[in-house]
Amino acid sequence: QTQLIEGFETVLSTLEDAVNDAPKAPEFLGRIFAEIITESLVSLNEIGKLIHDGGEEPGSLLEVGLAADILGSTLEVIQHEKGDSVLSEIRASSNLRLESFRPPNSITSKKLEKFI
């Protein structure tokens, strides 16, 4: 699990550059994170912290709005593949505050907003 988390930290630290070449990278990561969360390999809380603090500089994914897109995609995939009840259960057990993933400026993430 430690190696998995370290790998995700590395991926998230390069995501800002990768998005230029691969605009769907946040959605792709969301799919991976959803699978890992639903298989109970890593909790939503831990994934949330990685996303929230991730980026080239700590927290830079949050600043540019990518954190909201990744988390929104993750929740969307869980909802689509496992249903509302499983999503609600995972969210309730995590105590993750989705509002804290909103970017500080006027950028909004349509993917995340529907879960807030």
Protein backbone atom coordinates (compact mmCIF):
# COMPACT_ATOMS: atom_id res chain seq x y z
CA GLN A 1 0.00 0.00 0.00
CA THR A 2 2.85 2.39 0.78
CA GLN A 3 4.35 1.89 -2.67
CA LEU A 4 0.94 2.43 -4.25
CA ILE A 5 0.51 5.74 -2.44
CA GLU A 6 4.05 6.85 -3.33
CA GLY A 7 3.33 6.03 -6.97
CA PHE A 8 0.17 8.12 -6.91
CA GLU A 9 2.07 11.01 -5.33
CA THR A 10 4.54 10.85 -8.21
CA VAL A 11 1.77 10.76 -10.83
CA LEU A 12 -0.05 13.67 -9.20
CA SER A 13 3.16 15.71 -9.03
CA THR A 14 3.48 15.58 -12.83
CA LEU A 15 -0.20 15.85 -13.70
CA GLU A 16 -0.25 19.58 -14.43
CA ASP A 17 2.22 19.07 -17.29
CA ALA A 18 0.60 15.83 -18.44
CA VAL A 19 -2.82 17.46 -18.84
CA ASN A 20 -1.50 19.54 -21.72
CA ASP A 21 -0.73 16.37 -23.69
CA ALA A 22 -3.51 14.23 -22.23
CA PRO A 23 -6.55 16.37 -21.37
CA LYS A 24 -8.50 13.34 -20.12
CA ALA A 25 -5.84 12.47 -17.53
CA PRO A 26 -8.03 13.59 -14.57
CA GLU A 27 -10.84 11.29 -15.76
CA PHE A 28 -8.44 8.41 -16.24
CA LEU A 29 -7.00 8.90 -12.76
CA GLY A 30 -10.54 9.10 -11.39
CA ARG A 31 -11.25 5.65 -12.85
CA ILE A 32 -8.11 4.21 -11.26
CA PHE A 33 -8.84 5.83 -7.89
CA ALA A 34 -12.46 4.63 -7.98
CA GLU A 35 -11.34 1.05 -8.55
CA ILE A 36 -8.79 1.22 -5.74
CA ILE A 37 -11.34 2.72 -3.34
CA THR A 38 -14.11 0.23 -4.15
CA GLU A 39 -11.66 -2.67 -3.79
CA SER A 40 -10.71 -1.29 -0.34
CA LEU A 41 -7.03 -1.01 -1.22
CA VAL A 42 -6.87 2.66 -0.24
CA SER A 43 -9.64 4.69 1.44
CA LEU A 44 -11.40 7.69 -0.09
CA ASN A 45 -9.94 9.70 2.77
CA GLU A 46 -6.36 8.78 1.80
CA ILE A 47 -7.00 9.34 -1.91
CA GLY A 48 -8.64 12.66 -1.08
CA LYS A 49 -5.60 13.79 0.89
CA LEU A 50 -3.28 12.79 -1.97
CA ILE A 51 -5.39 14.74 -4.47
CA HIS A 52 -5.84 17.75 -2.17
CA ASP A 53 -2.14 18.06 -1.38
CA GLY A 54 -0.87 16.91 -4.80
CA GLY A 55 0.76 18.74 -7.64
CA GLU A 56 4.11 20.06 -8.70
CA GLU A 57 3.97 22.22 -5.59
CA PRO A 58 1.91 20.95 -2.63
CA GLY A 59 -1.71 21.96 -3.23
CA SER A 60 -1.19 23.20 -6.79
CA LEU A 61 -3.74 20.73 -8.22
CA LEU A 62 -6.29 22.42 -5.99
CA GLU A 63 -5.26 25.88 -7.19
CA VAL A 64 -5.72 25.09 -10.89
CA GLY A 65 -8.94 23.11 -10.47
CA LEU A 66 -7.54 19.67 -11.29
CA ALA A 67 -8.13 18.34 -7.76
CA ALA A 68 -11.87 18.96 -8.14
CA ASP A 69 -11.93 17.27 -11.55
CA ILE A 70 -10.06 14.19 -10.32
CA LEU A 71 -12.22 13.80 -7.21
CA GLY A 72 -15.40 14.46 -9.19
CA SER A 73 -14.42 11.82 -11.75
CA THR A 74 -13.62 9.36 -8.96
CA LEU A 75 -17.03 9.84 -7.35
CA GLU A 76 -18.77 9.70 -10.73
CA VAL A 77 -17.19 6.32 -11.56
CA ILE A 78 -18.05 4.88 -8.13
CA GLN A 79 -21.65 6.06 -8.52
CA HIS A 80 -21.93 4.70 -12.06
CA GLU A 81 -20.34 1.33 -11.37
CA LYS A 82 -21.44 0.62 -7.79
CA GLY A 83 -24.56 2.74 -7.33
CA ASP A 84 -25.71 5.52 -5.02
CA SER A 85 -25.84 3.42 -1.86
CA VAL A 86 -22.21 2.29 -2.14
CA LEU A 87 -21.13 5.84 -2.97
CA SER A 88 -23.02 7.18 0.06
CA GLU A 89 -21.46 4.54 2.29
CA ILE A 90 -17.94 5.33 1.06
CA ARG A 91 -18.49 9.07 1.44
CA ALA A 92 -19.97 8.72 4.94
CA SER A 93 -17.09 6.57 6.16
CA SER A 94 -14.50 9.01 4.80
CA ASN A 95 -15.70 12.27 6.40
CA LEU A 96 -14.12 13.98 3.38
CA ARG A 97 -15.27 17.58 2.95
CA LEU A 98 -15.88 17.91 -0.78
CA GLU A 99 -16.16 21.70 -0.51
CA SER A 100 -12.47 21.86 0.39
CA PHE A 101 -11.63 20.66 -3.13
CA ARG A 102 -13.16 23.70 -4.80
CA PRO A 103 -10.51 25.85 -6.46
CA PRO A 104 -9.97 29.19 -4.70
CA ASN A 105 -10.93 31.28 -7.74
CA SER A 106 -14.08 31.30 -9.83
CA ILE A 107 -13.27 28.07 -11.69
CA THR A 108 -15.86 25.41 -10.92
CA SER A 109 -15.76 21.73 -11.63
CA LYS A 110 -19.02 20.44 -13.04
CA LYS A 111 -17.94 16.93 -12.08
CA LEU A 112 -17.46 17.76 -8.40
CA GLU A 113 -20.31 20.25 -7.96
CA LYS A 114 -22.99 17.61 -8.52
CA PHE A 115 -21.77 15.77 -5.41
CA ILE A 116 -21.68 18.83 -3.13
